[in-house]
Amino acid sequence: MKKQVYIYLLAALTVTSVISCAASNKPTDIAKSEEVAKLVNQDSYTFIATRAYPMDQSTINNVMSAMRPAGAAATLFDLSYGYGFKIQPNDLSVDLPYFGRIFTPSMDTSRNGLKFSSKKFTIAKKESKKKISYTINVNDVQNIQTLYIDVYNNGRAFLSVNANDRQPISYDGYIKATKAEK
């Protein structure tokens, strides 16, 4: 009987400590949510891409067949740090790798990624309870049409790029404050 009392007491103590630890994260989540809202409302932030999701599965299979054992499948590419885009009220700078089919490729392979800067673009914003959706229409870059980005309250973001000369591609990542240039 004494053992059962100790077991129930230990279980109650464990449940209480788990609940109190979970509740203590709420102010941090609220602070992160407020920081993300501040960045998004200023239209000045940097998106850091961590993964790429090409739409063309044959591209993924061709690249991954050289890297993985036979029979292994993948639907995404993990990216190294440094890829993404920076948005400010009058400037959009994009530097993202591209995996997929390009309909009008360039002989210069450095131009086959998504690397451009735009001064003429429009932003349409739609807010919901858990995310803010952006539609960015680029007007002064020849082949890029639209960038769609969903920014969630925790700072995570999902970007989709539509272009005239290539298949669509999506990226997963996060946003952070844009550092002031010196």
C-alpha atoms as a PDB file:
ATOM      1  CA  MET A   1       0.000   0.000   0.000  1.00  0.00           C
ATOM      2  CA  LYS A   2       2.841   2.342   0.874  1.00  0.00           C
ATOM      3  CA  LYS A   3       4.477   1.742  -2.538  1.00  0.00           C
ATOM      4  CA  GLN A   4       1.271   2.662  -4.363  1.00  0.00           C
ATOM      5  CA  VAL A   5       1.017   5.953  -2.470  1.00  0.00           C
ATOM      6  CA  TYR A   6       4.615   6.797  -3.388  1.00  0.00           C
ATOM      7  CA  ILE A   7       4.002   5.887  -7.043  1.00  0.00           C
ATOM      8  CA  TYR A   8       0.868   8.082  -7.225  1.00  0.00           C
ATOM      9  CA  LEU A   9       2.671  10.919  -5.450  1.00  0.00           C
ATOM     10  CA  LEU A  10       5.621  10.665  -7.840  1.00  0.00           C
ATOM     11  CA  ALA A  11       3.283  10.600 -10.864  1.00  0.00           C
ATOM     12  CA  ALA A  12       1.383  13.665  -9.607  1.00  0.00           C
ATOM     13  CA  LEU A  13       4.648  15.518  -8.992  1.00  0.00           C
ATOM     14  CA  THR A  14       5.899  14.659 -12.490  1.00  0.00           C
ATOM     15  CA  VAL A  15       2.675  15.795 -14.155  1.00  0.00           C
ATOM     16  CA  THR A  16       2.694  19.046 -12.160  1.00  0.00           C
ATOM     17  CA  SER A  17       6.296  19.838 -13.101  1.00  0.00           C
ATOM     18  CA  VAL A  18       5.676  19.092 -16.788  1.00  0.00           C
ATOM     19  CA  ILE A  19       2.616  21.361 -16.846  1.00  0.00           C
ATOM     20  CA  SER A  20       4.461  24.186 -15.083  1.00  0.00           C
ATOM     21  CA  CYS A  21       7.390  23.941 -17.510  1.00  0.00           C
ATOM     22  CA  ALA A  22       5.060  24.019 -20.494  1.00  0.00           C
ATOM     23  CA  ALA A  23       3.239  27.063 -19.137  1.00  0.00           C
ATOM     24  CA  SER A  24       6.504  28.957 -18.590  1.00  0.00           C
ATOM     25  CA  ASN A  25       7.190  29.020 -22.361  1.00  0.00           C
ATOM     26  CA  LYS A  26       4.123  31.120 -23.112  1.00  0.00           C
ATOM     27  CA  PRO A  27       5.718  34.559 -22.475  1.00  0.00           C
ATOM     28  CA  THR A  28       8.597  33.587 -24.766  1.00  0.00           C
ATOM     29  CA  ASP A  29       6.171  32.571 -27.508  1.00  0.00           C
ATOM     30  CA  ILE A  30       4.285  35.847 -27.118  1.00  0.00           C
ATOM     31  CA  ALA A  31       7.525  37.852 -27.248  1.00  0.00           C
ATOM     32  CA  LYS A  32       8.634  35.983 -30.391  1.00  0.00           C
ATOM     33  CA  SER A  33       5.223  36.544 -31.965  1.00  0.00           C
ATOM     34  CA  GLU A  34       5.393  40.281 -31.218  1.00  0.00           C
ATOM     35  CA  GLU A  35       8.927  40.501 -32.643  1.00  0.00           C
ATOM     36  CA  VAL A  36       7.831  38.753 -35.851  1.00  0.00           C
ATOM     37  CA  ALA A  37       4.789  41.049 -36.154  1.00  0.00           C
ATOM     38  CA  LYS A  38       7.031  44.102 -35.733  1.00  0.00           C
ATOM     39  CA  LEU A  39       9.415  42.923 -38.479  1.00  0.00           C
ATOM     40  CA  VAL A  40       6.589  42.083 -40.856  1.00  0.00           C
ATOM     41  CA  ASN A  41       4.718  45.353 -40.285  1.00  0.00           C
ATOM     42  CA  GLN A  42       7.867  47.341 -41.078  1.00  0.00           C
ATOM     43  CA  ASP A  43       8.298  45.412 -44.362  1.00  0.00           C
ATOM     44  CA  SER A  44      11.977  45.145 -43.522  1.00  0.00           C
ATOM     45  CA  TYR A  45      13.347  41.680 -42.801  1.00  0.00           C
ATOM     46  CA  THR A  46      15.610  38.943 -44.134  1.00  0.00           C
ATOM     47  CA  PHE A  47      14.352  35.492 -45.124  1.00  0.00           C
ATOM     48  CA  ILE A  48      16.945  32.739 -44.604  1.00  0.00           C
ATOM     49  CA  ALA A  49      16.204  29.605 -46.654  1.00  0.00           C
ATOM     50  CA  THR A  50      17.033  26.285 -44.991  1.00  0.00           C
ATOM     51  CA  ARG A  51      15.407  23.843 -47.446  1.00  0.00           C
ATOM     52  CA  ALA A  52      14.428  23.829 -51.116  1.00  0.00           C
ATOM     53  CA  TYR A  53      11.457  21.897 -52.504  1.00  0.00           C
ATOM     54  CA  PRO A  54      11.717  21.579 -56.307  1.00  0.00           C
ATOM     55  CA  MET A  55       8.524  20.755 -58.190  1.00  0.00           C
ATOM     56  CA  ASP A  56      10.264  18.513 -60.739  1.00  0.00           C
ATOM     57  CA  GLN A  57      10.787  15.115 -59.084  1.00  0.00           C
ATOM     58  CA  SER A  58      13.074  13.905 -61.888  1.00  0.00           C
ATOM     59  CA  THR A  59      15.539  16.655 -60.963  1.00  0.00           C
ATOM     60  CA  ILE A  60      15.586  15.502 -57.370  1.00  0.00           C
ATOM     61  CA  ASN A  61      16.063  11.896 -58.408  1.00  0.00           C
ATOM     62  CA  ASN A  62      18.942  12.761 -60.762  1.00  0.00           C
ATOM     63  CA  VAL A  63      20.807  14.800 -58.168  1.00  0.00           C
ATOM     64  CA  MET A  64      20.142  12.459 -55.270  1.00  0.00           C
ATOM     65  CA  SER A  65      21.063   9.306 -57.192  1.00  0.00           C
ATOM     66  CA  ALA A  66      24.668  10.483 -57.103  1.00  0.00           C
ATOM     67  CA  MET A  67      24.542  11.198 -53.357  1.00  0.00           C
ATOM     68  CA  ARG A  68      22.414   8.473 -51.818  1.00  0.00           C
ATOM     69  CA  PRO A  69      22.323   4.692 -51.970  1.00  0.00           C
ATOM     70  CA  ALA A  70      20.168   3.025 -54.609  1.00  0.00           C
ATOM     71  CA  GLY A  71      16.483   3.082 -53.782  1.00  0.00           C
ATOM     72  CA  ALA A  72      16.700   6.073 -51.432  1.00  0.00           C
ATOM     73  CA  ALA A  73      14.275   8.870 -52.220  1.00  0.00           C
ATOM     74  CA  ALA A  74      14.188  12.508 -51.220  1.00  0.00           C
ATOM     75  CA  THR A  75      11.825  15.392 -51.828  1.00  0.00           C
ATOM     76  CA  LEU A  76      13.911  18.278 -50.538  1.00  0.00           C
ATOM     77  CA  PHE A  77      17.405  19.730 -50.450  1.00  0.00           C
ATOM     78  CA  ASP A  78      18.962  21.078 -47.255  1.00  0.00           C
ATOM     79  CA  LEU A  79      20.658  24.393 -47.999  1.00  0.00           C
ATOM     80  CA  SER A  80      23.754  25.906 -46.466  1.00  0.00           C
ATOM     81  CA  TYR A  81      23.511  29.241 -44.639  1.00  0.00           C
ATOM     82  CA  GLY A  82      23.412  32.406 -46.719  1.00  0.00           C
ATOM     83  CA  TYR A  83      20.627  31.787 -49.215  1.00  0.00           C
ATOM     84  CA  GLY A  84      17.477  33.864 -48.989  1.00  0.00           C
ATOM     85  CA  PHE A  85      16.210  37.331 -49.660  1.00  0.00           C
ATOM     86  CA  LYS A  86      16.236  40.721 -48.020  1.00  0.00           C
ATOM     87  CA  ILE A  87      13.225  42.995 -48.259  1.00  0.00           C
ATOM     88  CA  GLN A  88      13.186  46.677 -47.378  1.00  0.00           C
ATOM     89  CA  PRO A  89      10.625  49.341 -48.282  1.00  0.00           C
ATOM     90  CA  ASN A  90      12.383  50.251 -51.567  1.00  0.00           C
ATOM     91  CA  ASP A  91      14.637  47.258 -52.251  1.00  0.00           C
ATOM     92  CA  LEU A  92      14.259  43.515 -52.753  1.00  0.00           C
ATOM     93  CA  SER A  93      17.453  41.437 -53.034  1.00  0.00           C
ATOM     94  CA  VAL A  94      17.104  37.720 -53.781  1.00  0.00           C
ATOM     95  CA  ASP A  95      19.853  35.067 -53.775  1.00  0.00           C
ATOM     96  CA  LEU A  96      18.415  31.539 -53.908  1.00  0.00           C
ATOM     97  CA  PRO A  97      19.634  28.348 -55.574  1.00  0.00           C
ATOM     98  CA  TYR A  98      17.424  26.762 -58.202  1.00  0.00           C
ATOM     99  CA  PHE A  99      16.798  23.053 -58.702  1.00  0.00           C
ATOM    100  CA  GLY A 100      14.455  22.196 -61.526  1.00  0.00           C
ATOM    101  CA  ARG A 101      13.787  22.610 -65.200  1.00  0.00           C
ATOM    102  CA  ILE A 102      14.729  25.921 -66.813  1.00  0.00           C
ATOM    103  CA  PHE A 103      13.023  26.505 -70.152  1.00  0.00           C
ATOM    104  CA  THR A 104      15.459  29.207 -71.360  1.00  0.00           C
ATOM    105  CA  PRO A 105      18.798  28.504 -69.650  1.00  0.00           C
ATOM    106  CA  SER A 106      21.766  30.824 -69.795  1.00  0.00           C
ATOM    107  CA  MET A 107      25.235  29.798 -70.943  1.00  0.00           C
ATOM    108  CA  ASP A 108      26.489  31.535 -67.804  1.00  0.00           C
ATOM    109  CA  THR A 109      25.678  28.996 -65.079  1.00  0.00           C
ATOM    110  CA  SER A 110      25.903  31.659 -62.364  1.00  0.00           C
ATOM    111  CA  ARG A 111      22.726  33.222 -63.822  1.00  0.00           C
ATOM    112  CA  ASN A 112      20.651  30.035 -63.603  1.00  0.00           C
ATOM    113  CA  GLY A 113      19.875  30.486 -59.906  1.00  0.00           C
ATOM    114  CA  LEU A 114      17.376  33.003 -58.574  1.00  0.00           C
ATOM    115  CA  LYS A 115      19.650  35.993 -58.046  1.00  0.00           C
ATOM    116  CA  PHE A 116      18.268  39.455 -58.680  1.00  0.00           C
ATOM    117  CA  SER A 117      17.596  42.846 -57.159  1.00  0.00           C
ATOM    118  CA  SER A 118      14.416  44.831 -57.661  1.00  0.00           C
ATOM    119  CA  LYS A 119      13.403  48.399 -56.923  1.00  0.00           C
ATOM    120  CA  LYS A 120       9.951  48.233 -58.546  1.00  0.00           C
ATOM    121  CA  PHE A 121       7.756  45.735 -56.762  1.00  0.00           C
ATOM    122  CA  THR A 122       4.354  45.684 -55.109  1.00  0.00           C
ATOM    123  CA  ILE A 123       3.393  43.913 -51.909  1.00  0.00           C
ATOM    124  CA  ALA A 124      -0.064  42.613 -51.058  1.00  0.00           C
ATOM    125  CA  LYS A 125      -0.465  41.482 -47.462  1.00  0.00           C
ATOM    126  CA  LYS A 126      -3.161  39.223 -46.009  1.00  0.00           C
ATOM    127  CA  GLU A 127      -3.210  38.579 -42.267  1.00  0.00           C
ATOM    128  CA  SER A 128      -4.808  35.651 -40.486  1.00  0.00           C
ATOM    129  CA  LYS A 129      -4.647  34.356 -36.936  1.00  0.00           C
ATOM    130  CA  LYS A 130      -1.506  32.223 -37.315  1.00  0.00           C
ATOM    131  CA  LYS A 131       0.307  33.702 -40.320  1.00  0.00           C
ATOM    132  CA  ILE A 132       0.767  36.666 -42.614  1.00  0.00           C
ATOM    133  CA  SER A 133       0.729  35.933 -46.342  1.00  0.00           C
ATOM    134  CA  TYR A 134       2.621  38.163 -48.744  1.00  0.00           C
ATOM    135  CA  THR A 135       2.287  38.336 -52.499  1.00  0.00           C
ATOM    136  CA  ILE A 136       5.245  40.199 -53.999  1.00  0.00           C
ATOM    137  CA  ASN A 137       4.919  41.104 -57.686  1.00  0.00           C
ATOM    138  CA  VAL A 138       8.252  42.020 -59.253  1.00  0.00           C
ATOM    139  CA  ASN A 139       7.940  44.541 -62.104  1.00  0.00           C
ATOM    140  CA  ASP A 140      11.527  45.262 -63.196  1.00  0.00           C
ATOM    141  CA  VAL A 141      13.041  41.765 -63.483  1.00  0.00           C
ATOM    142  CA  GLN A 142      12.471  40.056 -66.812  1.00  0.00           C
ATOM    143  CA  ASN A 143      11.599  36.454 -65.922  1.00  0.00           C
ATOM    144  CA  ILE A 144      10.460  36.571 -62.295  1.00  0.00           C
ATOM    145  CA  GLN A 145       6.721  37.035 -61.840  1.00  0.00           C
ATOM    146  CA  THR A 146       5.639  36.527 -58.245  1.00  0.00           C
ATOM    147  CA  LEU A 147       6.991  35.546 -54.843  1.00  0.00           C
ATOM    148  CA  TYR A 148       4.543  34.165 -52.297  1.00  0.00           C
ATOM    149  CA  ILE A 149       5.671  34.049 -48.681  1.00  0.00           C
ATOM    150  CA  ASP A 150       3.801  32.886 -45.594  1.00  0.00           C
ATOM    151  CA  VAL A 151       5.302  34.147 -42.320  1.00  0.00           C
ATOM    152  CA  TYR A 152       4.137  32.338 -39.194  1.00  0.00           C
ATOM    153  CA  ASN A 153       4.008  33.747 -35.647  1.00  0.00           C
ATOM    154  CA  ASN A 154       7.059  31.737 -34.541  1.00  0.00           C
ATOM    155  CA  GLY A 155       9.277  33.258 -37.252  1.00  0.00           C
ATOM    156  CA  ARG A 156       9.171  30.302 -39.647  1.00  0.00           C
ATOM    157  CA  ALA A 157       8.386  31.125 -43.268  1.00  0.00           C
ATOM    158  CA  PHE A 158       7.542  29.327 -46.509  1.00  0.00           C
ATOM    159  CA  LEU A 159       8.415  30.921 -49.867  1.00  0.00           C
ATOM    160  CA  SER A 160       7.180  29.955 -53.349  1.00  0.00           C
ATOM    161  CA  VAL A 161       8.624  31.505 -56.503  1.00  0.00           C
ATOM    162  CA  ASN A 162       6.858  31.622 -59.880  1.00  0.00           C
ATOM    163  CA  ALA A 163       8.838  32.576 -62.970  1.00  0.00           C
ATOM    164  CA  ASN A 164       8.182  32.700 -66.715  1.00  0.00           C
ATOM    165  CA  ASP A 165      11.256  30.704 -67.721  1.00  0.00           C
ATOM    166  CA  ARG A 166      11.321  27.860 -65.172  1.00  0.00           C
ATOM    167  CA  GLN A 167       9.222  25.546 -63.058  1.00  0.00           C
ATOM    168  CA  PRO A 168       8.040  26.801 -59.657  1.00  0.00           C
ATOM    169  CA  ILE A 169      10.123  26.089 -56.574  1.00  0.00           C
ATOM    170  CA  SER A 170       9.454  26.486 -52.851  1.00  0.00           C
ATOM    171  CA  TYR A 171      11.717  27.170 -49.887  1.00  0.00           C
ATOM    172  CA  ASP A 172      11.349  26.685 -46.152  1.00  0.00           C
ATOM    173  CA  GLY A 173      13.175  28.894 -43.675  1.00  0.00           C
ATOM    174  CA  TYR A 174      12.819  31.654 -41.124  1.00  0.00           C
ATOM    175  CA  ILE A 175      12.866  35.431 -40.943  1.00  0.00           C
ATOM    176  CA  LYS A 176      15.143  37.665 -38.935  1.00  0.00           C
ATOM    177  CA  ALA A 177      15.826  41.349 -38.596  1.00  0.00           C
ATOM    178  CA  THR A 178      17.788  42.946 -41.422  1.00  0.00           C
ATOM    179  CA  LYS A 179      21.173  44.167 -40.265  1.00  0.00           C
ATOM    180  CA  ALA A 180      21.989  47.777 -41.041  1.00  0.00           C
ATOM    181  CA  GLU A 181      24.667  48.132 -43.709  1.00  0.00           C
ATOM    182  CA  LYS A 182      27.745  50.171 -42.850  1.00  0.00           C
END
